Amino acid sequence: MTMCGQMECKLYPSAFSGEVVFQVNTINNQSYEGVAPKHYVTYDAQLTRNGVNGQVKVRVLVSGGKEARVYVPDGQILSVSADKVYVGRTVKAKQARRLK
């Protein structure tokens, strides 16, 4: 089974109106930037070039201890700090693929 969740990240405007750039630090302290459709992110402030704090929807593949492996909307699998990931409902893998 796959868990649907959200991951804390920094959000930036994209060159395209229907998407947002997200940035997160991986478990090995590398910065990762990806692109997500706007309906995959939540944030409270207007997006700026300096970025705002927000969350991006992810599929949680593994979570335990201090590390979580997540599948992000642009198709990458990242290892991030578990305290950045919030797990929601559980879905079967077939249903989770539709969430992408």
C-alpha atoms as a PDB file:
ATOM      1  CA  MET A   1       0.000   0.000   0.000  1.00  0.00           C
ATOM      2  CA  THR A   2       0.961   3.583  -0.584  1.00  0.00           C
ATOM      3  CA  MET A   3       0.180   6.456   1.748  1.00  0.00           C
ATOM      4  CA  CYS A   4      -0.947   9.814   0.427  1.00  0.00           C
ATOM      5  CA  GLY A   5       0.489  12.763   2.252  1.00  0.00           C
ATOM      6  CA  GLN A   6       1.943  16.220   2.083  1.00  0.00           C
ATOM      7  CA  MET A   7       5.528  17.377   2.361  1.00  0.00           C
ATOM      8  CA  GLU A   8       6.699  20.731   3.668  1.00  0.00           C
ATOM      9  CA  CYS A   9       8.607  22.698   1.058  1.00  0.00           C
ATOM     10  CA  LYS A  10       9.369  26.138  -0.290  1.00  0.00           C
ATOM     11  CA  LEU A  11       7.160  27.221  -3.215  1.00  0.00           C
ATOM     12  CA  TYR A  12       7.986  29.589  -6.063  1.00  0.00           C
ATOM     13  CA  PRO A  13       6.051  30.849  -9.073  1.00  0.00           C
ATOM     14  CA  SER A  14       6.607  28.981 -12.332  1.00  0.00           C
ATOM     15  CA  ALA A  15       6.876  30.330 -15.850  1.00  0.00           C
ATOM     16  CA  PHE A  16       3.510  28.651 -16.493  1.00  0.00           C
ATOM     17  CA  SER A  17       0.287  29.702 -14.758  1.00  0.00           C
ATOM     18  CA  GLY A  18      -0.924  26.178 -13.950  1.00  0.00           C
ATOM     19  CA  GLU A  19       2.149  25.005 -12.072  1.00  0.00           C
ATOM     20  CA  VAL A  20       4.400  25.848  -9.135  1.00  0.00           C
ATOM     21  CA  VAL A  21       8.088  25.181  -8.476  1.00  0.00           C
ATOM     22  CA  PHE A  22       8.748  23.404  -5.167  1.00  0.00           C
ATOM     23  CA  GLN A  23      12.076  23.126  -3.342  1.00  0.00           C
ATOM     24  CA  VAL A  24      12.998  20.735  -0.543  1.00  0.00           C
ATOM     25  CA  ASN A  25      16.236  19.616   1.099  1.00  0.00           C
ATOM     26  CA  THR A  26      16.845  15.880   0.872  1.00  0.00           C
ATOM     27  CA  ILE A  27      18.098  13.710   3.733  1.00  0.00           C
ATOM     28  CA  ASN A  28      21.700  14.149   2.525  1.00  0.00           C
ATOM     29  CA  ASN A  29      21.317  17.958   2.595  1.00  0.00           C
ATOM     30  CA  GLN A  30      21.014  18.442  -1.157  1.00  0.00           C
ATOM     31  CA  SER A  31      18.461  20.882  -2.521  1.00  0.00           C
ATOM     32  CA  TYR A  32      15.898  19.433  -4.924  1.00  0.00           C
ATOM     33  CA  GLU A  33      13.642  21.580  -7.127  1.00  0.00           C
ATOM     34  CA  GLY A  34      10.703  20.185  -9.033  1.00  0.00           C
ATOM     35  CA  VAL A  35       7.463  21.277 -10.668  1.00  0.00           C
ATOM     36  CA  ALA A  36       3.934  20.470  -9.520  1.00  0.00           C
ATOM     37  CA  PRO A  37       0.469  21.385 -10.778  1.00  0.00           C
ATOM     38  CA  LYS A  38      -1.094  24.153  -8.672  1.00  0.00           C
ATOM     39  CA  HIS A  39      -3.803  21.814  -7.387  1.00  0.00           C
ATOM     40  CA  TYR A  40      -1.040  19.671  -5.782  1.00  0.00           C
ATOM     41  CA  VAL A  41       0.180  22.445  -3.476  1.00  0.00           C
ATOM     42  CA  THR A  42      -1.147  24.462  -0.554  1.00  0.00           C
ATOM     43  CA  TYR A  43       0.184  27.769   0.718  1.00  0.00           C
ATOM     44  CA  ASP A  44      -1.082  30.778   2.646  1.00  0.00           C
ATOM     45  CA  ALA A  45       0.757  33.711   1.072  1.00  0.00           C
ATOM     46  CA  GLN A  46       1.176  35.078  -2.452  1.00  0.00           C
ATOM     47  CA  LEU A  47       3.959  33.269  -4.325  1.00  0.00           C
ATOM     48  CA  THR A  48       7.047  35.436  -4.744  1.00  0.00           C
ATOM     49  CA  ARG A  49      10.502  35.058  -6.276  1.00  0.00           C
ATOM     50  CA  ASN A  50      11.831  34.692  -2.714  1.00  0.00           C
ATOM     51  CA  GLY A  51       9.515  31.716  -2.109  1.00  0.00           C
ATOM     52  CA  VAL A  52       6.872  30.976   0.499  1.00  0.00           C
ATOM     53  CA  ASN A  53       6.431  28.052   2.872  1.00  0.00           C
ATOM     54  CA  GLY A  54       3.874  25.499   1.770  1.00  0.00           C
ATOM     55  CA  GLN A  55       3.144  21.831   1.159  1.00  0.00           C
ATOM     56  CA  VAL A  56       3.127  19.624  -1.918  1.00  0.00           C
ATOM     57  CA  LYS A  57       1.113  16.400  -2.251  1.00  0.00           C
ATOM     58  CA  VAL A  58       3.277  13.266  -2.278  1.00  0.00           C
ATOM     59  CA  ARG A  59       2.931   9.511  -2.148  1.00  0.00           C
ATOM     60  CA  VAL A  60       4.775   8.171   0.884  1.00  0.00           C
ATOM     61  CA  LEU A  61       6.567   4.963  -0.063  1.00  0.00           C
ATOM     62  CA  VAL A  62       8.438   4.385   3.216  1.00  0.00           C
ATOM     63  CA  SER A  63       8.318   6.289   6.476  1.00  0.00           C
ATOM     64  CA  GLY A  64      10.021   5.312   9.657  1.00  0.00           C
ATOM     65  CA  GLY A  65      12.524   6.739  12.057  1.00  0.00           C
ATOM     66  CA  LYS A  66      14.027   9.971  10.816  1.00  0.00           C
ATOM     67  CA  GLU A  67      13.673   9.337   7.074  1.00  0.00           C
ATOM     68  CA  ALA A  68      10.823   9.124   4.567  1.00  0.00           C
ATOM     69  CA  ARG A  69      10.936   8.138   0.885  1.00  0.00           C
ATOM     70  CA  VAL A  70       8.369  10.033  -1.127  1.00  0.00           C
ATOM     71  CA  TYR A  71       7.203  10.082  -4.740  1.00  0.00           C
ATOM     72  CA  VAL A  72       6.789  13.715  -5.809  1.00  0.00           C
ATOM     73  CA  PRO A  73       4.470  14.993  -8.587  1.00  0.00           C
ATOM     74  CA  ASP A  74       7.268  15.320 -11.163  1.00  0.00           C
ATOM     75  CA  GLY A  75       8.000  11.583 -10.914  1.00  0.00           C
ATOM     76  CA  GLN A  76      11.113  11.565  -8.732  1.00  0.00           C
ATOM     77  CA  ILE A  77      11.578   9.556  -5.547  1.00  0.00           C
ATOM     78  CA  LEU A  78      13.261  11.518  -2.760  1.00  0.00           C
ATOM     79  CA  SER A  79      14.575  10.673   0.696  1.00  0.00           C
ATOM     80  CA  VAL A  80      13.646  13.495   3.052  1.00  0.00           C
ATOM     81  CA  SER A  81      13.464  14.094   6.779  1.00  0.00           C
ATOM     82  CA  ALA A  82      10.376  12.340   8.166  1.00  0.00           C
ATOM     83  CA  ASP A  83       9.379  15.436  10.131  1.00  0.00           C
ATOM     84  CA  LYS A  84       8.648  17.239   6.815  1.00  0.00           C
ATOM     85  CA  VAL A  85       6.078  14.617   5.743  1.00  0.00           C
ATOM     86  CA  TYR A  86       2.479  14.403   6.932  1.00  0.00           C
ATOM     87  CA  VAL A  87       0.588  11.227   6.080  1.00  0.00           C
ATOM     88  CA  GLY A  88      -3.090  11.249   5.210  1.00  0.00           C
ATOM     89  CA  ARG A  89      -5.284   8.393   4.132  1.00  0.00           C
ATOM     90  CA  THR A  90      -4.032   4.999   2.939  1.00  0.00           C
ATOM     91  CA  VAL A  91      -4.801   3.997  -0.641  1.00  0.00           C
ATOM     92  CA  LYS A  92      -3.938   0.982  -2.730  1.00  0.00           C
ATOM     93  CA  ALA A  93      -1.082   1.449  -5.202  1.00  0.00           C
ATOM     94  CA  LYS A  94      -3.474   1.352  -8.185  1.00  0.00           C
ATOM     95  CA  GLN A  95      -5.494   4.242  -6.771  1.00  0.00           C
ATOM     96  CA  ALA A  96      -2.351   6.181  -5.855  1.00  0.00           C
ATOM     97  CA  ARG A  97      -1.154   6.127  -9.461  1.00  0.00           C
ATOM     98  CA  ARG A  98      -4.297   8.027 -10.408  1.00  0.00           C
ATOM     99  CA  LEU A  99      -3.371  10.781  -7.939  1.00  0.00           C
ATOM    100  CA  LYS A 100      -0.366  11.723 -10.027  1.00  0.00           C
END
